[in-house]
Amino acid sequence: MGTIAASSSSTKRVLILGSTGSIGVQTIEVIEHLNTLESKGKSSVRYEVVGLAVGSNHQQLADQAVKLGVRDIAIASMCEEFDQSSFKVRTGKNAARKLVEDVPCDLVVGAIVGIAGLDSVYRAIELGIDVALANKETLVAAGGLVIQAAQRSGAKLFPVDSEHAGVWQCLQSLSNNYCPPMLAPALVERVILTASGGPFRRHTRDQIENASLNDALNHPTWKMGAKVTIDSATLMNKALELIEAHWLFGLDADCLGAVIHPQSVVHAMIECADSSVIAQMGAPDMKAPIQHALGFQERIEGCASKLDVTKLSRLDFIEIDPDRFPAIDLAMGVIKEGGDAGAAFNAANEHAVNAFLNNKIPFGMIDQIVAQVMNDWDTQPISTIEDVYAADSKARECVGRLCEAIAEKSQ
């Protein structure tokens, strides 16, 4: 199948992969807002949602599809009670990829959480379709393959994570047309991502070790799904974002950094060769980066919360303590290793987080397990998507054995 051609009209056709998750739901809200502006003559583009994909949230998917007038849908895990009569349904593990292949569109929103989102996003990029990327695991696990595919097909990558969207906007101040997978301009010496610090930024390592599930899920700033919230509590989310930034902007580990910024107002900064620092600021509201990705290069009235700088009493930036939060150093090692190290790192973290969510390991063991997997990992090159999945499977097996050993020790 060749590249799907973009519509010649002012309509932008959108597929939303992961439509019932936090990013998917907010994407629909942003599209409704933008279409209202278009109807009032305030925007030159109308957005048409032409396909929706989910894992198993059948009823919410059906409600979304009916409301948006969408016929083409994909469900990874189908239930017998689901009434398919009003829809053209793809089912099974590859359902989202089939949707991407079957339904002509101009933009794919990749918001399926975890490695499950890789296959469909990678296929969209192969087909030359622009992707608004909220699934960081795609680049963490298979960054080399994804970037090469985008360079071959001409697909653009629009970062949706607030930090990467912030970096992107900072880089646009240097070159208005800048968009990944273009390399960051040479005058950029360092990119700095900010982290809220999560619920444990003031905790000792001993306190972190024995944190409860409720405490770990109590994020002070953002409302997200369970997996991403746990990643924010370990700062593993920031580690994954650093690896993603490496691939998105073509920057080595020594050109990347992260700091804790409790106010979550400055999302990213770039340090330039002339010693100037450019920062992107905004209220902690994901609708802003979603709209920027959907509307590139048009900036119009937004539906995100507005930032009132007169109410900011202070902006703090705190160095990350590697003893309390070892995830950042692990990420830098992954960037330097290359090959399948990213796939192993992502899989080990996913599996360890799942073990914690299911009460199989204490919170403090998540990053320790990931560290042990990476210390023992024999990095291999990746040349196909199958290599990525092989590394993913192997790392999960390693985590499984470590979790069993922890369970036996605690008995």
Protein backbone atom coordinates (compact mmCIF):
# COMPACT_ATOMS: atom_id res chain seq x y z
CA MET A 1 0.00 0.00 0.00
CA GLY A 2 1.33 3.43 -0.90
CA THR A 3 1.18 6.71 0.92
CA ILE A 4 -2.35 7.96 1.56
CA ALA A 5 -2.74 11.35 -0.06
CA ALA A 6 -3.87 14.31 2.00
CA SER A 7 -7.24 15.85 1.29
CA SER A 8 -7.09 18.85 -1.05
CA SER A 9 -9.91 20.61 0.82
CA SER A 10 -9.71 22.53 4.08
CA THR A 11 -10.89 19.45 5.95
CA LYS A 12 -8.32 17.53 7.98
CA ARG A 13 -9.25 13.87 8.47
CA VAL A 14 -8.14 12.47 11.83
CA LEU A 15 -7.76 8.97 13.26
CA ILE A 16 -7.59 8.80 17.06
CA LEU A 17 -5.83 5.74 18.43
CA GLY A 18 -6.62 5.40 22.12
CA SER A 19 -9.73 7.58 21.93
CA THR A 20 -11.13 6.69 25.37
CA GLY A 21 -7.93 7.48 27.28
CA SER A 22 -7.11 10.85 28.77
CA ILE A 23 -5.35 12.20 25.66
CA GLY A 24 -7.96 10.74 23.31
CA VAL A 25 -10.86 12.32 25.21
CA GLN A 26 -9.12 15.70 25.34
CA THR A 27 -8.26 15.46 21.64
CA ILE A 28 -11.96 15.13 20.86
CA GLU A 29 -12.71 18.16 23.06
CA VAL A 30 -10.04 20.18 21.23
CA ILE A 31 -11.41 19.12 17.83
CA GLU A 32 -14.92 20.19 18.86
CA HIS A 33 -13.50 23.55 19.96
CA LEU A 34 -11.58 24.05 16.71
CA ASN A 35 -14.63 23.14 14.62
CA THR A 36 -16.68 25.70 16.52
CA LEU A 37 -14.07 28.33 15.63
CA GLU A 38 -14.13 27.20 11.99
CA SER A 39 -17.92 27.56 11.90
CA LYS A 40 -17.48 31.14 13.09
CA GLY A 41 -14.87 31.88 10.42
CA LYS A 42 -12.03 32.03 12.97
CA SER A 43 -10.15 29.03 11.55
CA SER A 44 -9.38 27.85 8.02
CA VAL A 45 -9.49 24.12 8.85
CA ARG A 46 -12.34 21.80 9.78
CA TYR A 47 -11.48 18.53 11.50
CA GLU A 48 -13.29 15.32 10.68
CA VAL A 49 -12.74 12.30 12.93
CA VAL A 50 -12.81 9.34 10.55
CA GLY A 51 -11.71 6.51 12.84
CA LEU A 52 -11.39 5.56 16.51
CA ALA A 53 -9.40 2.78 18.17
CA VAL A 54 -9.43 1.45 21.74
CA GLY A 55 -8.25 -1.51 23.75
CA SER A 56 -11.46 -2.68 25.40
CA ASN A 57 -13.62 0.28 26.43
CA HIS A 58 -16.49 -0.70 24.14
CA GLN A 59 -19.32 1.44 25.46
CA GLN A 60 -17.40 4.70 25.61
CA LEU A 61 -16.06 4.00 22.11
CA ALA A 62 -19.59 3.45 20.80
CA ASP A 63 -20.77 6.68 22.44
CA GLN A 64 -17.87 8.61 20.89
CA ALA A 65 -18.45 7.10 17.45
CA VAL A 66 -22.17 7.90 17.46
CA LYS A 67 -21.57 11.46 18.66
CA LEU A 68 -18.88 12.11 16.03
CA GLY A 69 -20.57 10.21 13.21
CA VAL A 70 -17.69 7.75 12.92
CA ARG A 71 -18.28 4.38 11.28
CA ASP A 72 -14.76 2.93 11.21
CA ILE A 73 -13.55 1.69 14.60
CA ALA A 74 -11.02 -0.75 16.04
CA ILE A 75 -11.18 -2.75 19.28
CA ALA A 76 -8.26 -4.86 20.42
CA SER A 77 -10.33 -6.94 22.86
CA MET A 78 -13.90 -7.51 21.69
CA CYS A 79 -16.82 -8.57 23.90
CA GLU A 80 -19.81 -10.57 22.68
CA GLU A 81 -22.32 -8.00 23.96
CA PHE A 82 -21.00 -5.22 21.71
CA ASP A 83 -23.49 -4.28 18.99
CA GLN A 84 -21.45 -4.01 15.78
CA SER A 85 -24.37 -3.30 13.47
CA SER A 86 -23.74 0.45 13.21
CA PHE A 87 -20.00 0.21 12.65
CA LYS A 88 -17.27 -1.30 10.52
CA VAL A 89 -15.19 -2.96 13.22
CA ARG A 90 -11.63 -4.26 13.22
CA THR A 91 -10.79 -6.52 16.15
CA GLY A 92 -7.78 -8.25 17.64
CA LYS A 93 -4.21 -7.34 18.49
CA ASN A 94 -3.62 -5.65 15.10
CA ALA A 95 -6.96 -3.83 14.96
CA ALA A 96 -5.52 -0.32 15.24
CA ARG A 97 -2.99 -1.00 12.48
CA LYS A 98 -5.77 -2.30 10.22
CA LEU A 99 -7.70 0.89 10.88
CA VAL A 100 -4.68 2.98 9.85
CA GLU A 101 -4.28 0.94 6.66
CA ASP A 102 -7.98 0.96 5.73
CA VAL A 103 -9.15 4.49 6.43
CA PRO A 104 -7.72 7.44 4.45
CA CYS A 105 -6.66 10.24 6.77
CA ASP A 106 -4.36 13.24 7.08
CA LEU A 107 -3.35 12.86 10.73
CA VAL A 108 -3.10 10.01 13.21
CA VAL A 109 -3.24 10.81 16.92
CA GLY A 110 -1.15 8.10 18.60
CA ALA A 111 -2.46 7.93 22.17
CA ILE A 112 -2.49 4.20 22.92
CA VAL A 113 -0.49 3.71 26.11
CA GLY A 114 2.60 1.50 26.15
CA ILE A 115 4.19 -0.81 23.61
CA ALA A 116 0.67 -1.67 22.39
CA GLY A 117 0.70 1.64 20.51
CA LEU A 118 3.87 0.95 18.52
CA ASP A 119 2.51 -1.16 15.66
CA SER A 120 -0.21 1.23 14.50
CA VAL A 121 1.90 4.38 14.84
CA TYR A 122 4.81 2.82 13.01
CA ARG A 123 2.49 1.74 10.18
CA ALA A 124 1.07 5.25 9.87
CA ILE A 125 4.58 6.67 9.58
CA GLU A 126 5.52 4.07 6.97
CA LEU A 127 2.51 5.24 4.95
CA GLY A 128 3.65 8.85 5.14
CA ILE A 129 0.84 9.98 7.45
CA ASP A 130 1.65 12.74 9.93
CA VAL A 131 1.39 11.60 13.56
CA ALA A 132 0.50 13.62 16.65
CA LEU A 133 2.49 11.48 19.05
CA ALA A 134 1.41 11.05 22.66
CA ASN A 135 2.73 7.49 22.90
CA LYS A 136 6.32 8.01 24.07
CA GLU A 137 6.98 4.26 24.14
CA THR A 138 6.99 4.20 20.33
CA LEU A 139 10.21 6.21 20.21
CA VAL A 140 11.70 4.79 23.40
CA ALA A 141 11.43 1.22 22.14
CA ALA A 142 11.92 1.69 18.40
CA GLY A 143 13.24 5.22 17.91
CA GLY A 144 15.83 4.34 15.28
CA LEU A 145 13.33 2.49 13.12
CA VAL A 146 10.60 5.11 13.55
CA ILE A 147 12.81 8.09 12.68
CA GLN A 148 14.25 6.31 9.63
CA ALA A 149 10.72 5.44 8.47
CA ALA A 150 9.62 9.08 8.88
CA GLN A 151 12.63 10.32 6.94
CA ARG A 152 11.85 7.89 4.11
CA SER A 153 8.11 8.58 3.94
CA GLY A 154 8.11 12.29 4.73
CA ALA A 155 5.77 11.86 7.70
CA LYS A 156 5.99 14.59 10.33
CA LEU A 157 5.96 13.88 14.07
CA PHE A 158 4.02 16.37 16.17
CA PRO A 159 4.93 15.92 19.85
CA VAL A 160 1.93 15.93 22.20
CA ASP A 161 3.70 15.34 25.53
CA SER A 162 3.72 18.78 27.17
CA GLU A 163 7.51 18.77 27.57
CA HIS A 164 8.30 17.78 23.99
CA ALA A 165 5.64 20.14 22.69
CA GLY A 166 7.44 22.81 24.72
CA VAL A 167 10.81 21.95 23.18
CA TRP A 168 9.21 21.97 19.74
CA GLN A 169 7.80 25.45 20.27
CA CYS A 170 11.14 26.72 21.57
CA LEU A 171 12.83 25.35 18.45
CA GLN A 172 10.16 26.97 16.27
CA SER A 173 11.31 30.32 17.68
CA LEU A 174 14.62 29.62 15.91
CA SER A 175 13.06 28.21 12.74
CA ASN A 176 9.33 28.69 12.18
CA ASN A 177 9.00 25.62 9.96
CA TYR A 178 10.87 23.34 12.36
CA CYS A 179 9.19 20.00 13.00
CA PRO A 180 10.53 16.55 13.94
CA PRO A 181 12.06 14.40 12.61
CA MET A 182 14.24 17.37 11.57
CA LEU A 183 17.40 17.67 13.68
CA ALA A 184 17.47 20.46 16.22
CA PRO A 185 19.42 23.50 14.93
CA ALA A 186 23.16 23.28 15.59
CA LEU A 187 23.10 26.38 17.81
CA VAL A 188 21.07 24.44 20.41
CA GLU A 189 23.53 23.23 23.02
CA ARG A 190 21.13 21.62 25.48
CA VAL A 191 17.47 20.78 25.92
CA ILE A 192 16.06 20.68 29.45
CA LEU A 193 12.78 18.95 30.31
CA THR A 194 10.95 19.79 33.52
CA ALA A 195 9.33 17.35 35.94
CA SER A 196 6.78 18.16 38.61
CA GLY A 197 8.60 15.79 40.94
CA GLY A 198 5.45 13.79 41.50
CA PRO A 199 4.05 13.04 44.96
CA PHE A 200 7.43 12.02 46.42
CA ARG A 201 9.71 14.92 45.48
CA ARG A 202 10.30 15.73 49.18
CA HIS A 203 10.40 12.11 50.37
CA THR A 204 13.49 10.24 51.49
CA ARG A 205 14.48 7.08 49.66
CA ASP A 206 13.25 5.02 52.60
CA GLN A 207 9.84 6.68 52.38
CA ILE A 208 9.75 6.11 48.62
CA GLU A 209 10.61 2.43 49.06
CA ASN A 210 7.42 1.75 51.03
CA ALA A 211 4.98 4.16 49.38
CA SER A 212 1.39 2.94 49.06
CA LEU A 213 -0.56 2.65 45.82
CA ASN A 214 -2.87 5.49 46.82
CA ASP A 215 0.08 7.74 47.61
CA ALA A 216 1.77 6.92 44.30
CA LEU A 217 -1.42 7.69 42.37
CA ASN A 218 -1.89 11.06 44.10
CA HIS A 219 -0.15 13.28 41.56
CA PRO A 220 0.01 16.93 42.69
CA THR A 221 -0.46 18.53 39.26
CA TRP A 222 -1.65 16.33 36.40
CA LYS A 223 -4.64 13.99 36.03
CA MET A 224 -3.46 10.95 34.04
CA GLY A 225 -3.97 7.21 33.72
CA ALA A 226 -2.57 4.87 36.38
CA LYS A 227 0.52 3.76 34.46
CA VAL A 228 1.68 7.27 33.55
CA THR A 229 0.93 8.49 37.08
CA ILE A 230 3.11 5.77 38.59
CA ASP A 231 5.85 6.63 36.08
CA SER A 232 5.66 10.23 37.24
CA ALA A 233 6.04 9.14 40.86
CA THR A 234 9.27 7.25 40.08
CA LEU A 235 10.38 9.92 37.56
CA MET A 236 10.53 7.06 35.09
CA ASN A 237 8.18 9.15 32.97
CA LYS A 238 10.90 11.81 32.68
CA ALA A 239 13.46 9.11 31.88
CA LEU A 240 11.28 7.86 29.03
CA GLU A 241 10.80 11.45 27.84
CA LEU A 242 14.55 12.05 27.71
CA ILE A 243 14.94 9.00 25.46
CA GLU A 244 12.04 10.24 23.35
CA ALA A 245 13.66 13.69 23.09
CA HIS A 246 16.90 12.06 21.94
CA TRP A 247 15.07 10.59 18.95
CA LEU A 248 12.66 13.45 18.24
CA PHE A 249 15.29 16.19 18.15
CA GLY A 250 18.42 14.22 17.26
CA LEU A 251 20.29 15.09 20.48
CA ASP A 252 22.84 12.97 22.35
CA ALA A 253 22.67 12.33 26.10
CA ASP A 254 25.15 15.10 26.93
CA CYS A 255 22.80 17.61 25.23
CA LEU A 256 19.80 16.58 27.33
CA GLY A 257 18.82 17.21 30.93
CA ALA A 258 15.90 17.34 33.35
CA VAL A 259 15.06 19.35 36.48
CA ILE A 260 12.24 19.24 39.01
CA HIS A 261 9.89 22.20 38.61
CA PRO A 262 7.02 21.81 41.10
CA GLN A 263 4.83 24.56 39.62
CA SER A 264 4.62 22.78 36.20
CA VAL A 265 4.49 26.16 34.45
CA VAL A 266 7.73 25.98 32.45
CA HIS A 267 7.49 22.81 30.39
CA ALA A 268 10.85 22.90 28.61
CA MET A 269 13.89 25.08 27.98
CA ILE A 270 16.61 25.19 25.35
CA GLU A 271 20.11 26.55 25.98
CA CYS A 272 21.63 28.20 22.91
CA ALA A 273 25.22 28.75 21.84
CA ASP A 274 24.97 32.48 22.58
CA SER A 275 24.19 31.63 26.25
CA SER A 276 20.55 32.60 25.95
CA VAL A 277 17.85 30.29 27.34
CA ILE A 278 14.45 30.03 25.66
CA ALA A 279 11.59 28.60 27.72
CA GLN A 280 8.03 27.56 26.90
CA MET A 281 5.43 28.30 29.58
CA GLY A 282 1.77 27.53 30.04
CA ALA A 283 -0.82 26.28 32.49
CA PRO A 284 -0.62 22.52 33.18
CA ASP A 285 -3.32 21.63 30.66
CA MET A 286 -2.81 19.00 27.97
CA LYS A 287 -5.30 20.67 25.62
CA ALA A 288 -2.65 23.27 24.73
CA PRO A 289 -0.05 20.83 23.29
CA ILE A 290 -2.83 18.79 21.67
CA GLN A 291 -4.12 21.87 19.86
CA HIS A 292 -0.62 22.87 18.80
CA ALA A 293 -0.10 19.44 17.26
CA LEU A 294 -3.48 19.37 15.51
CA GLY A 295 -3.20 22.91 14.18
CA PHE A 296 0.48 23.19 13.19
CA GLN A 297 1.29 25.88 11.92
CA GLU A 298 -1.84 27.83 12.81
CA ARG A 299 -2.12 29.48 16.24
CA ILE A 300 -5.68 30.45 17.12
CA GLU A 301 -7.88 30.86 20.17
CA GLY A 302 -7.38 27.90 22.50
CA CYS A 303 -9.60 26.00 24.91
CA ALA A 304 -6.83 25.24 27.43
CA SER A 305 -6.55 26.99 30.78
CA LYS A 306 -4.78 30.34 30.54
CA LEU A 307 -1.67 31.21 32.54
CA ASP A 308 -1.86 34.41 34.59
CA VAL A 309 1.79 35.31 35.23
CA THR A 310 0.76 38.00 37.73
CA LYS A 311 -0.34 35.22 40.08
CA LEU A 312 2.99 33.40 39.97
CA SER A 313 4.81 34.03 43.22
CA ARG A 314 7.84 31.89 42.34
CA LEU A 315 9.28 29.39 39.87
CA ASP A 316 11.53 26.73 41.40
CA PHE A 317 14.00 24.53 39.53
CA ILE A 318 15.57 21.74 41.57
CA GLU A 319 18.32 19.32 40.63
CA ILE A 320 17.17 15.70 40.54
CA ASP A 321 18.73 13.51 43.25
CA PRO A 322 19.95 10.31 41.50
CA ASP A 323 19.91 8.34 44.76
CA ARG A 324 16.21 8.98 45.32
CA PHE A 325 15.29 8.92 41.62
CA PRO A 326 17.75 6.71 39.67
CA ALA A 327 15.55 6.62 36.55
CA ILE A 328 17.23 9.64 34.93
CA ASP A 329 20.73 8.12 34.99
CA LEU A 330 19.28 4.86 33.65
CA ALA A 331 17.79 6.75 30.70
CA MET A 332 21.10 8.41 29.88
CA GLY A 333 22.70 4.97 29.81
CA VAL A 334 19.99 3.71 27.44
CA ILE A 335 20.59 6.63 25.05
CA LYS A 336 24.32 5.90 24.99
CA GLU A 337 23.75 2.15 24.49
CA GLY A 338 21.32 2.46 21.59
CA GLY A 339 20.18 -0.73 19.85
CA ASP A 340 17.48 -2.64 21.70
CA ALA A 341 18.29 -1.08 25.07
CA GLY A 342 15.32 1.28 24.75
CA ALA A 343 12.93 -1.58 24.08
CA ALA A 344 14.28 -3.47 27.11
CA PHE A 345 14.09 -0.39 29.33
CA ASN A 346 10.51 0.37 28.34
CA ALA A 347 9.36 -3.23 28.71
CA ALA A 348 11.06 -3.70 32.07
CA ASN A 349 9.39 -0.57 33.40
CA GLU A 350 5.95 -1.45 31.99
CA HIS A 351 6.08 -4.93 33.50
CA ALA A 352 7.39 -3.71 36.87
CA VAL A 353 4.71 -1.01 37.09
CA ASN A 354 2.05 -3.59 36.30
CA ALA A 355 3.45 -5.82 39.05
CA PHE A 356 3.21 -2.94 41.54
CA LEU A 357 -0.34 -2.07 40.45
CA ASN A 358 -1.26 -5.71 41.11
CA ASN A 359 0.36 -5.71 44.57
CA LYS A 360 3.15 -8.12 43.57
CA ILE A 361 6.06 -5.84 44.45
CA PRO A 362 6.54 -2.77 46.66
CA PHE A 363 6.77 0.65 45.01
CA GLY A 364 10.49 1.03 45.69
CA MET A 365 11.28 -2.10 43.68
CA ILE A 366 10.08 -0.66 40.36
CA ASP A 367 13.23 1.29 39.48
CA GLN A 368 15.44 -1.28 41.19
CA ILE A 369 14.08 -4.04 38.97
CA VAL A 370 14.50 -1.89 35.86
CA ALA A 371 18.08 -1.12 36.90
CA GLN A 372 18.88 -4.80 37.39
CA VAL A 373 17.45 -5.73 33.98
CA MET A 374 19.49 -3.00 32.29
CA ASN A 375 22.69 -3.89 34.18
CA ASP A 376 22.40 -7.46 32.89
CA TRP A 377 21.22 -6.52 29.40
CA ASP A 378 23.32 -7.55 26.38
CA THR A 379 22.45 -4.81 23.91
CA GLN A 380 21.83 -5.88 20.32
CA PRO A 381 21.15 -3.81 17.19
CA ILE A 382 17.60 -3.57 15.86
CA SER A 383 16.82 -3.67 12.17
CA THR A 384 13.15 -4.73 12.17
CA ILE A 385 10.09 -4.23 14.33
CA GLU A 386 10.34 -7.92 15.23
CA ASP A 387 13.70 -7.20 16.90
CA VAL A 388 11.93 -4.66 19.10
CA TYR A 389 9.22 -7.11 20.12
CA ALA A 390 11.83 -9.81 20.81
CA ALA A 391 13.70 -7.49 23.18
CA ASP A 392 10.41 -6.46 24.77
CA SER A 393 9.47 -10.08 25.44
CA LYS A 394 12.90 -10.98 26.80
CA ALA A 395 12.92 -8.03 29.21
CA ARG A 396 9.46 -8.90 30.49
CA GLU A 397 10.60 -12.46 31.17
CA CYS A 398 13.52 -11.06 33.18
CA VAL A 399 11.16 -8.90 35.22
CA GLY A 400 8.85 -11.84 35.78
CA ARG A 401 11.68 -13.89 37.25
CA LEU A 402 12.78 -11.02 39.49
CA CYS A 403 9.21 -10.53 40.75
CA GLU A 404 8.94 -14.26 41.53
CA ALA A 405 12.19 -14.09 43.48
CA ILE A 406 10.88 -11.10 45.46
CA ALA A 407 7.63 -12.95 46.24
CA GLU A 408 9.52 -16.05 47.43
CA LYS A 409 11.80 -13.95 49.62
CA SER A 410 8.85 -12.20 51.28
CA GLN A 411 7.13 -15.48 52.22
